[in-house]
N, C-alpha and C. Protein backbone atom coordinates (compact mmCIF):
# COMPACT_ATOMS: atom_id res chain seq x y z
N MET A 1 109.89 92.56 120.25
CA MET A 1 109.08 93.45 119.44
C MET A 1 107.99 94.10 120.29
N GLU A 2 107.39 93.33 121.17
CA GLU A 2 106.34 93.86 122.04
C GLU A 2 106.93 94.89 123.01
N LYS A 3 108.14 94.64 123.49
CA LYS A 3 108.82 95.59 124.38
C LYS A 3 109.06 96.90 123.65
N PHE A 4 109.46 96.81 122.38
CA PHE A 4 109.70 98.01 121.57
C PHE A 4 108.42 98.83 121.48
N LYS A 5 107.30 98.17 121.21
CA LYS A 5 106.03 98.90 121.10
C LYS A 5 105.64 99.54 122.43
N ASP A 6 105.89 98.82 123.52
CA ASP A 6 105.60 99.39 124.84
C ASP A 6 106.48 100.62 125.10
N ASP A 7 107.76 100.52 124.74
CA ASP A 7 108.67 101.65 124.91
C ASP A 7 108.22 102.84 124.07
N ILE A 8 107.80 102.57 122.85
CA ILE A 8 107.33 103.64 121.97
C ILE A 8 106.10 104.31 122.57
N MET A 9 105.18 103.51 123.06
CA MET A 9 103.95 104.09 123.64
C MET A 9 104.28 104.93 124.88
N CYS A 10 105.29 104.52 125.66
CA CYS A 10 105.73 105.33 126.81
C CYS A 10 106.30 106.67 126.33
N LEU A 11 107.10 106.62 125.27
CA LEU A 11 107.66 107.85 124.70
C LEU A 11 106.55 108.76 124.17
N VAL A 12 105.59 108.16 123.48
CA VAL A 12 104.46 108.93 122.93
C VAL A 12 103.68 109.58 124.06
N SER A 13 103.44 108.84 125.12
CA SER A 13 102.71 109.38 126.26
C SER A 13 103.48 110.53 126.91
N SER A 14 104.77 110.35 127.08
CA SER A 14 105.60 111.40 127.67
C SER A 14 105.61 112.64 126.79
N LEU A 15 105.68 112.44 125.49
CA LEU A 15 105.66 113.56 124.55
C LEU A 15 104.33 114.30 124.64
N ALA A 16 103.24 113.54 124.68
CA ALA A 16 101.90 114.14 124.67
C ALA A 16 101.58 114.87 125.97
N HIS A 17 101.97 114.28 127.09
CA HIS A 17 101.54 114.83 128.38
C HIS A 17 102.50 115.87 128.96
N SER A 18 103.80 115.73 128.66
CA SER A 18 104.74 116.67 129.28
C SER A 18 105.63 117.38 128.26
N ASP A 19 105.27 117.31 126.98
CA ASP A 19 106.05 117.98 125.93
C ASP A 19 107.53 117.63 126.00
N SER A 20 107.83 116.39 126.32
CA SER A 20 109.20 115.96 126.52
C SER A 20 110.00 115.98 125.22
N GLN A 21 111.01 116.83 125.20
CA GLN A 21 111.89 116.88 124.04
C GLN A 21 112.78 115.64 123.98
N ILE A 22 113.06 115.07 125.12
CA ILE A 22 113.86 113.84 125.16
C ILE A 22 113.08 112.69 124.52
N ALA A 23 111.78 112.61 124.83
CA ALA A 23 110.93 111.58 124.23
C ALA A 23 110.84 111.79 122.72
N PHE A 24 110.72 113.05 122.31
CA PHE A 24 110.64 113.36 120.88
C PHE A 24 111.92 112.94 120.17
N LYS A 25 113.05 113.26 120.78
CA LYS A 25 114.34 112.88 120.20
C LYS A 25 114.48 111.36 120.11
N SER A 26 114.01 110.66 121.12
CA SER A 26 114.06 109.19 121.11
C SER A 26 113.18 108.62 120.00
N LEU A 27 112.01 109.20 119.80
CA LEU A 27 111.14 108.77 118.70
C LEU A 27 111.81 109.05 117.36
N TYR A 28 112.44 110.19 117.26
CA TYR A 28 113.14 110.56 116.04
C TYR A 28 114.23 109.54 115.73
N ILE A 29 115.03 109.21 116.71
CA ILE A 29 116.11 108.24 116.52
C ILE A 29 115.55 106.87 116.16
N SER A 30 114.45 106.48 116.78
CA SER A 30 113.85 105.17 116.53
C SER A 30 113.25 105.04 115.14
N TYR A 31 112.72 106.13 114.60
CA TYR A 31 111.97 106.05 113.35
C TYR A 31 112.65 106.68 112.14
N PHE A 32 113.67 107.48 112.32
CA PHE A 32 114.26 108.21 111.20
C PHE A 32 114.68 107.27 110.07
N GLY A 33 115.48 106.26 110.36
CA GLY A 33 115.97 105.35 109.31
C GLY A 33 114.85 104.62 108.60
N ARG A 34 113.90 104.12 109.37
CA ARG A 34 112.78 103.39 108.77
C ARG A 34 111.94 104.30 107.88
N LEU A 35 111.71 105.53 108.33
CA LEU A 35 110.93 106.46 107.52
C LEU A 35 111.69 106.88 106.27
N MET A 36 113.01 107.04 106.38
CA MET A 36 113.81 107.38 105.20
C MET A 36 113.70 106.28 104.14
N ARG A 37 113.78 105.03 104.56
CA ARG A 37 113.65 103.92 103.61
C ARG A 37 112.26 103.93 102.98
N PHE A 38 111.25 104.17 103.78
CA PHE A 38 109.87 104.18 103.29
C PHE A 38 109.66 105.33 102.30
N VAL A 39 110.05 106.53 102.68
CA VAL A 39 109.84 107.70 101.84
C VAL A 39 110.68 107.59 100.56
N SER A 40 111.86 106.97 100.65
CA SER A 40 112.73 106.82 99.48
C SER A 40 112.08 105.98 98.38
N ILE A 41 111.09 105.21 98.72
CA ILE A 41 110.35 104.46 97.71
C ILE A 41 109.53 105.42 96.84
N TYR A 42 109.04 106.47 97.45
CA TYR A 42 108.18 107.41 96.75
C TYR A 42 108.93 108.55 96.07
N VAL A 43 110.03 109.01 96.64
CA VAL A 43 110.78 110.12 96.07
C VAL A 43 112.20 109.68 95.77
N GLU A 44 112.77 110.20 94.70
CA GLU A 44 114.10 109.74 94.32
C GLU A 44 115.22 110.56 94.93
N SER A 45 114.94 111.72 95.44
CA SER A 45 115.97 112.59 96.00
C SER A 45 116.10 112.37 97.51
N THR A 46 117.33 112.14 97.97
CA THR A 46 117.57 111.97 99.40
C THR A 46 117.23 113.26 100.15
N VAL A 47 117.53 114.40 99.54
CA VAL A 47 117.23 115.69 100.18
C VAL A 47 115.72 115.85 100.37
N VAL A 48 114.94 115.52 99.36
CA VAL A 48 113.48 115.61 99.45
C VAL A 48 112.97 114.61 100.49
N ALA A 49 113.54 113.40 100.49
CA ALA A 49 113.13 112.39 101.47
C ALA A 49 113.38 112.89 102.89
N GLU A 50 114.55 113.48 103.12
CA GLU A 50 114.86 114.02 104.45
C GLU A 50 113.89 115.14 104.83
N GLU A 51 113.53 115.96 103.85
CA GLU A 51 112.56 117.03 104.09
C GLU A 51 111.20 116.47 104.49
N ILE A 52 110.77 115.45 103.79
CA ILE A 52 109.47 114.84 104.08
C ILE A 52 109.49 114.18 105.45
N VAL A 53 110.58 113.49 105.78
CA VAL A 53 110.69 112.86 107.10
C VAL A 53 110.70 113.93 108.19
N SER A 54 111.42 115.02 107.95
CA SER A 54 111.43 116.13 108.93
C SER A 54 110.04 116.72 109.09
N ASP A 55 109.32 116.89 107.98
CA ASP A 55 107.95 117.39 108.05
C ASP A 55 107.05 116.43 108.81
N THR A 56 107.31 115.14 108.66
CA THR A 56 106.54 114.13 109.39
C THR A 56 106.73 114.31 110.89
N PHE A 57 107.98 114.49 111.31
CA PHE A 57 108.25 114.69 112.74
C PHE A 57 107.72 116.03 113.23
N LEU A 58 107.74 117.03 112.36
CA LEU A 58 107.16 118.32 112.73
C LEU A 58 105.66 118.15 112.98
N GLY A 59 105.01 117.36 112.13
CA GLY A 59 103.58 117.08 112.33
C GLY A 59 103.32 116.34 113.64
N ILE A 60 104.21 115.41 113.96
CA ILE A 60 104.08 114.69 115.25
C ILE A 60 104.18 115.69 116.40
N TRP A 61 105.18 116.57 116.33
CA TRP A 61 105.38 117.55 117.41
C TRP A 61 104.17 118.48 117.52
N GLU A 62 103.69 118.98 116.40
CA GLU A 62 102.57 119.93 116.42
C GLU A 62 101.28 119.29 116.92
N ASN A 63 101.12 118.00 116.69
CA ASN A 63 99.89 117.30 117.11
C ASN A 63 100.12 116.39 118.31
N ARG A 64 101.14 116.68 119.09
CA ARG A 64 101.52 115.79 120.21
C ARG A 64 100.41 115.64 121.25
N LYS A 65 99.58 116.65 121.41
CA LYS A 65 98.52 116.58 122.44
C LYS A 65 97.44 115.55 122.08
N SER A 66 97.32 115.23 120.78
CA SER A 66 96.30 114.27 120.35
C SER A 66 96.87 112.84 120.26
N LEU A 67 98.15 112.67 120.54
CA LEU A 67 98.78 111.35 120.41
C LEU A 67 98.21 110.27 121.33
N PRO A 68 97.71 110.59 122.53
CA PRO A 68 97.14 109.52 123.36
C PRO A 68 95.96 108.80 122.70
N GLU A 69 95.32 109.44 121.73
CA GLU A 69 94.20 108.82 121.03
C GLU A 69 94.66 107.80 119.98
N VAL A 70 95.96 107.80 119.66
CA VAL A 70 96.53 106.92 118.64
C VAL A 70 96.80 105.55 119.26
N SER A 71 96.19 104.52 118.70
CA SER A 71 96.39 103.18 119.25
C SER A 71 97.59 102.46 118.65
N ASN A 72 97.94 102.82 117.41
CA ASN A 72 99.08 102.17 116.75
C ASN A 72 99.97 103.26 116.16
N PHE A 73 101.03 103.60 116.90
CA PHE A 73 101.90 104.70 116.49
C PHE A 73 102.64 104.39 115.19
N ASP A 74 103.03 103.13 114.98
CA ASP A 74 103.70 102.73 113.74
C ASP A 74 102.86 103.10 112.52
N ALA A 75 101.63 102.64 112.52
CA ALA A 75 100.74 102.92 111.39
C ALA A 75 100.50 104.42 111.27
N TYR A 76 100.40 105.10 112.39
CA TYR A 76 100.13 106.53 112.40
C TYR A 76 101.28 107.32 111.75
N ILE A 77 102.51 107.05 112.16
CA ILE A 77 103.64 107.83 111.65
C ILE A 77 103.92 107.51 110.17
N PHE A 78 103.74 106.23 109.78
CA PHE A 78 103.94 105.88 108.38
C PHE A 78 102.84 106.46 107.50
N SER A 79 101.64 106.57 108.03
CA SER A 79 100.54 107.20 107.28
C SER A 79 100.82 108.69 107.07
N ILE A 80 101.34 109.33 108.09
CA ILE A 80 101.69 110.75 107.96
C ILE A 80 102.75 110.91 106.87
N ALA A 81 103.78 110.06 106.91
CA ALA A 81 104.85 110.14 105.91
C ALA A 81 104.30 109.91 104.50
N ARG A 82 103.43 108.92 104.35
CA ARG A 82 102.84 108.65 103.04
C ARG A 82 102.03 109.86 102.55
N ASN A 83 101.26 110.44 103.45
CA ASN A 83 100.47 111.62 103.08
C ASN A 83 101.35 112.81 102.73
N LYS A 84 102.48 112.95 103.41
CA LYS A 84 103.43 114.02 103.08
C LYS A 84 104.02 113.80 101.68
N CYS A 85 104.28 112.54 101.32
CA CYS A 85 104.77 112.24 99.97
C CYS A 85 103.73 112.63 98.93
N ILE A 86 102.48 112.28 99.20
CA ILE A 86 101.40 112.62 98.28
C ILE A 86 101.29 114.14 98.15
N SER A 87 101.37 114.84 99.26
CA SER A 87 101.30 116.30 99.24
C SER A 87 102.46 116.90 98.47
N TYR A 88 103.63 116.30 98.60
CA TYR A 88 104.81 116.78 97.86
C TYR A 88 104.55 116.72 96.37
N TYR A 89 104.03 115.59 95.89
CA TYR A 89 103.78 115.47 94.46
C TYR A 89 102.62 116.36 94.00
N ARG A 90 101.66 116.55 94.85
CA ARG A 90 100.57 117.47 94.50
C ARG A 90 101.10 118.89 94.38
N SER A 91 102.00 119.26 95.27
CA SER A 91 102.55 120.61 95.22
C SER A 91 103.43 120.81 93.99
N LYS A 92 104.00 119.75 93.50
CA LYS A 92 104.82 119.82 92.29
C LYS A 92 103.96 119.71 91.04
N GLN A 93 102.67 119.55 91.24
CA GLN A 93 101.69 119.44 90.16
C GLN A 93 102.06 118.34 89.16
N ILE A 94 102.49 117.23 89.71
CA ILE A 94 102.76 116.07 88.88
C ILE A 94 101.47 115.27 88.80
N SER A 95 100.93 115.17 87.61
CA SER A 95 99.63 114.52 87.47
C SER A 95 99.74 113.01 87.60
N THR A 96 100.80 112.43 87.05
CA THR A 96 100.97 110.99 87.19
C THR A 96 102.40 110.69 87.57
N LEU A 97 102.56 109.70 88.37
CA LEU A 97 103.88 109.26 88.79
C LEU A 97 103.96 107.77 88.56
N ASN A 98 104.91 107.37 87.76
CA ASN A 98 105.13 105.95 87.55
C ASN A 98 106.28 105.53 88.45
N ILE A 99 105.92 104.99 89.60
CA ILE A 99 106.93 104.62 90.59
C ILE A 99 107.84 103.50 90.08
N ASP A 100 107.39 102.77 89.07
CA ASP A 100 108.23 101.70 88.52
C ASP A 100 109.44 102.27 87.78
N GLU A 101 109.39 103.55 87.42
CA GLU A 101 110.52 104.16 86.73
C GLU A 101 111.55 104.71 87.70
N ILE A 102 111.22 104.76 88.99
CA ILE A 102 112.14 105.27 89.99
C ILE A 102 113.00 104.13 90.50
N ALA A 103 114.31 104.30 90.42
CA ALA A 103 115.22 103.28 90.93
C ALA A 103 115.20 103.35 92.45
N THR A 104 114.98 102.23 93.08
CA THR A 104 114.88 102.18 94.52
C THR A 104 115.92 101.23 95.08
N ASP A 105 116.68 101.72 96.01
CA ASP A 105 117.63 100.86 96.72
C ASP A 105 117.15 100.76 98.16
N LEU A 106 116.43 99.70 98.46
CA LEU A 106 115.86 99.55 99.79
C LEU A 106 116.93 99.35 100.86
N PHE A 107 118.15 99.05 100.45
CA PHE A 107 119.21 98.82 101.41
C PHE A 107 120.05 100.07 101.63
N PHE A 108 119.70 101.19 101.01
CA PHE A 108 120.50 102.40 101.06
C PHE A 108 120.69 102.89 102.49
N HIS A 109 119.62 102.93 103.29
CA HIS A 109 119.69 103.45 104.65
C HIS A 109 119.68 102.32 105.68
N THR A 110 120.03 101.12 105.27
CA THR A 110 119.97 99.98 106.15
C THR A 110 121.33 99.73 106.78
N GLU A 111 121.33 99.55 108.08
CA GLU A 111 122.56 99.16 108.76
C GLU A 111 122.60 97.65 108.80
N THR A 112 123.78 97.08 108.57
CA THR A 112 123.89 95.63 108.55
C THR A 112 124.77 95.15 109.69
N THR A 113 124.57 93.91 110.03
CA THR A 113 125.42 93.27 111.02
C THR A 113 126.63 92.70 110.30
N PRO A 114 127.67 92.32 111.02
CA PRO A 114 128.85 91.74 110.36
C PRO A 114 128.50 90.50 109.53
N GLU A 115 127.56 89.71 110.01
CA GLU A 115 127.17 88.51 109.26
C GLU A 115 126.54 88.88 107.92
N GLU A 116 125.73 89.93 107.94
CA GLU A 116 125.06 90.34 106.71
C GLU A 116 126.03 90.96 105.70
N ASP A 117 127.16 91.45 106.18
CA ASP A 117 128.16 92.03 105.29
C ASP A 117 128.76 91.01 104.35
N TYR A 118 128.60 89.72 104.66
CA TYR A 118 129.15 88.67 103.82
C TYR A 118 128.35 88.47 102.53
N ILE A 119 127.15 89.03 102.49
CA ILE A 119 126.33 88.90 101.28
C ILE A 119 127.02 89.69 100.17
N SER A 120 127.17 89.08 99.04
CA SER A 120 127.90 89.74 97.95
C SER A 120 127.11 90.93 97.41
N LYS A 121 127.86 91.91 96.90
CA LYS A 121 127.24 93.10 96.32
C LYS A 121 126.39 92.73 95.11
N GLU A 122 126.80 91.72 94.38
CA GLU A 122 126.02 91.31 93.21
C GLU A 122 124.66 90.77 93.60
N THR A 123 124.60 90.02 94.69
CA THR A 123 123.33 89.48 95.16
C THR A 123 122.40 90.61 95.59
N ILE A 124 122.96 91.58 96.31
CA ILE A 124 122.15 92.72 96.75
C ILE A 124 121.66 93.52 95.54
N GLN A 125 122.54 93.73 94.57
CA GLN A 125 122.15 94.46 93.38
C GLN A 125 121.05 93.71 92.62
N HIS A 126 121.20 92.40 92.51
CA HIS A 126 120.19 91.59 91.82
C HIS A 126 118.86 91.65 92.58
N LEU A 127 118.92 91.58 93.90
CA LEU A 127 117.71 91.67 94.71
C LEU A 127 117.05 93.04 94.55
N ASN A 128 117.84 94.11 94.58
CA ASN A 128 117.28 95.45 94.40
C ASN A 128 116.62 95.60 93.03
N GLU A 129 117.25 95.03 92.01
CA GLU A 129 116.67 95.08 90.67
C GLU A 129 115.35 94.31 90.64
N ALA A 130 115.32 93.17 91.31
CA ALA A 130 114.09 92.38 91.36
C ALA A 130 112.99 93.14 92.11
N ILE A 131 113.36 93.79 93.21
CA ILE A 131 112.38 94.57 93.97
C ILE A 131 111.89 95.75 93.13
N ASP A 132 112.81 96.41 92.43
CA ASP A 132 112.42 97.54 91.57
C ASP A 132 111.47 97.12 90.47
N SER A 133 111.56 95.87 90.04
CA SER A 133 110.70 95.40 88.96
C SER A 133 109.28 95.07 89.43
N LEU A 134 109.07 95.07 90.74
CA LEU A 134 107.73 94.78 91.27
C LEU A 134 106.77 95.93 90.96
N PRO A 135 105.49 95.63 90.81
CA PRO A 135 104.49 96.69 90.68
C PRO A 135 104.51 97.56 91.94
N GLU A 136 104.05 98.80 91.81
CA GLU A 136 104.12 99.79 92.89
C GLU A 136 103.60 99.27 94.23
N LYS A 137 102.38 98.82 94.26
CA LYS A 137 101.78 98.39 95.53
C LYS A 137 102.49 97.17 96.11
N CYS A 138 102.92 96.26 95.25
CA CYS A 138 103.66 95.08 95.71
C CYS A 138 104.97 95.51 96.36
N LYS A 139 105.64 96.45 95.72
CA LYS A 139 106.93 96.93 96.22
C LYS A 139 106.78 97.56 97.60
N VAL A 140 105.80 98.43 97.75
CA VAL A 140 105.59 99.11 99.02
C VAL A 140 105.11 98.12 100.09
N ALA A 141 104.21 97.23 99.72
CA ALA A 141 103.72 96.22 100.66
C ALA A 141 104.87 95.34 101.14
N PHE A 142 105.70 94.89 100.22
CA PHE A 142 106.85 94.05 100.56
C PHE A 142 107.78 94.78 101.53
N LYS A 143 108.05 96.03 101.27
CA LYS A 143 108.95 96.81 102.10
C LYS A 143 108.39 96.98 103.51
N LEU A 144 107.11 97.30 103.62
CA LEU A 144 106.51 97.51 104.93
C LEU A 144 106.48 96.23 105.76
N VAL A 145 106.10 95.13 105.12
CA VAL A 145 105.95 93.88 105.87
C VAL A 145 107.30 93.20 106.13
N ARG A 146 108.13 93.10 105.12
CA ARG A 146 109.38 92.36 105.26
C ARG A 146 110.50 93.16 105.88
N GLU A 147 110.64 94.41 105.50
CA GLU A 147 111.75 95.19 106.03
C GLU A 147 111.39 95.91 107.32
N ASP A 148 110.21 96.53 107.35
CA ASP A 148 109.82 97.28 108.54
C ASP A 148 109.08 96.43 109.56
N LYS A 149 108.88 95.16 109.23
CA LYS A 149 108.27 94.19 110.16
C LYS A 149 106.89 94.62 110.65
N MET A 150 106.14 95.29 109.78
CA MET A 150 104.77 95.67 110.15
C MET A 150 103.85 94.47 110.02
N LYS A 151 102.86 94.43 110.86
CA LYS A 151 101.83 93.41 110.73
C LYS A 151 101.01 93.72 109.49
N TYR A 152 100.41 92.70 108.93
CA TYR A 152 99.61 92.88 107.72
C TYR A 152 98.52 93.92 107.92
N LYS A 153 97.86 93.86 109.07
CA LYS A 153 96.77 94.78 109.36
C LYS A 153 97.27 96.23 109.35
N ASP A 154 98.43 96.46 109.97
CA ASP A 154 98.98 97.81 110.04
C ASP A 154 99.45 98.30 108.67
N ALA A 155 100.11 97.43 107.92
CA ALA A 155 100.58 97.80 106.58
C ALA A 155 99.39 98.09 105.67
N ALA A 156 98.34 97.30 105.79
CA ALA A 156 97.13 97.53 104.99
C ALA A 156 96.52 98.90 105.32
N LYS A 157 96.55 99.26 106.59
CA LYS A 157 96.02 100.56 107.00
C LYS A 157 96.87 101.70 106.42
N VAL A 158 98.19 101.55 106.46
CA VAL A 158 99.08 102.57 105.90
C VAL A 158 98.82 102.74 104.40
N LEU A 159 98.63 101.62 103.71
CA LEU A 159 98.42 101.65 102.26
C LEU A 159 96.97 101.92 101.87
N ASP A 160 96.09 101.94 102.86
CA ASP A 160 94.67 102.17 102.63
C ASP A 160 94.07 101.11 101.71
N ILE A 161 94.40 99.85 102.03
CA ILE A 161 93.85 98.70 101.29
C ILE A 161 93.40 97.66 102.31
N SER A 162 92.67 96.65 101.85
CA SER A 162 92.24 95.60 102.76
C SER A 162 93.39 94.63 103.04
N VAL A 163 93.27 93.87 104.11
CA VAL A 163 94.30 92.89 104.46
C VAL A 163 94.39 91.83 103.37
N LYS A 164 93.28 91.43 102.82
CA LYS A 164 93.28 90.42 101.74
C LYS A 164 94.04 90.94 100.51
N THR A 165 93.85 92.21 100.20
CA THR A 165 94.57 92.80 99.07
C THR A 165 96.06 92.84 99.36
N LEU A 166 96.41 93.18 100.60
CA LEU A 166 97.82 93.18 101.00
C LEU A 166 98.41 91.78 100.88
N GLU A 167 97.66 90.78 101.32
CA GLU A 167 98.13 89.39 101.21
C GLU A 167 98.38 89.02 99.74
N ALA A 168 97.49 89.47 98.88
CA ALA A 168 97.67 89.19 97.45
C ALA A 168 98.92 89.89 96.91
N HIS A 169 99.15 91.14 97.33
CA HIS A 169 100.36 91.85 96.91
C HIS A 169 101.61 91.15 97.42
N MET A 170 101.57 90.68 98.65
CA MET A 170 102.74 89.99 99.22
C MET A 170 103.00 88.68 98.49
N ALA A 171 101.95 87.94 98.18
CA ALA A 171 102.12 86.68 97.45
C ALA A 171 102.72 86.94 96.07
N THR A 172 102.23 87.96 95.41
CA THR A 172 102.77 88.34 94.10
C THR A 172 104.23 88.74 94.22
N ALA A 173 104.54 89.56 95.21
CA ALA A 173 105.93 90.04 95.40
C ALA A 173 106.87 88.87 95.67
N VAL A 174 106.49 87.99 96.56
CA VAL A 174 107.36 86.86 96.90
C VAL A 174 107.54 85.95 95.69
N ARG A 175 106.47 85.70 94.97
CA ARG A 175 106.56 84.84 93.79
C ARG A 175 107.48 85.46 92.73
N LYS A 176 107.32 86.75 92.47
CA LYS A 176 108.14 87.41 91.46
C LYS A 176 109.60 87.50 91.90
N LEU A 177 109.84 87.75 93.17
CA LEU A 177 111.22 87.81 93.66
C LEU A 177 111.87 86.43 93.61
N ARG A 178 111.12 85.41 93.96
CA ARG A 178 111.64 84.05 93.90
C ARG A 178 112.01 83.69 92.46
N ASP A 179 111.12 84.03 91.54
CA ASP A 179 111.40 83.77 90.13
C ASP A 179 112.61 84.55 89.63
N ALA A 180 112.68 85.82 90.03
CA ALA A 180 113.79 86.67 89.59
C ALA A 180 115.12 86.20 90.15
N LEU A 181 115.11 85.67 91.34
CA LEU A 181 116.34 85.21 91.98
C LEU A 181 116.62 83.73 91.73
N ASN A 182 115.72 83.10 90.95
CA ASN A 182 115.86 81.68 90.62
C ASN A 182 116.00 80.78 91.84
N LEU A 183 115.16 81.05 92.85
CA LEU A 183 115.19 80.24 94.06
C LEU A 183 114.25 79.06 93.91
N GLU A 184 114.59 77.99 94.57
CA GLU A 184 113.71 76.82 94.54
C GLU A 184 112.48 77.09 95.38
N LYS A 185 111.37 76.56 94.91
CA LYS A 185 110.11 76.76 95.65
C LYS A 185 110.01 75.78 96.79
């Protein structure tokens, strides 16, 4: 994981200092799937999600000269994506959005290993239903920490909440998922 972050920071530096299109493409490949899963939590259309992710990368390209000032690229790019989602809904003049009404399949853009393919479709469906039943912030916090492997501090920054609040959301999410899946404590 630390090697990945070092590689990302090298790509970011190359992009910022030499306008490297190769570095930009590498960042795109590294983050596209993760950003699609993240944005798909907020928007129900795959086309809109792809648009928002593309706009996120366009923002990275346009602001590449300021990237050396960014200490945590993960938090930075996910914050841009979140802000693009907010802007999308503002442009649509939607006054309220009940994210609990949006069906979310967190495994939609996930690649699995052969071992993971053995998990039954019913279990995945049950898990997705349990995740969908989580409150909005719990759902997003769970996805960032468990699926995207973000540190609590970084996920809290993306969500604009304190680490303690994120911990509370994670505890709630795990408890509700455990109950929904009837797992032993």
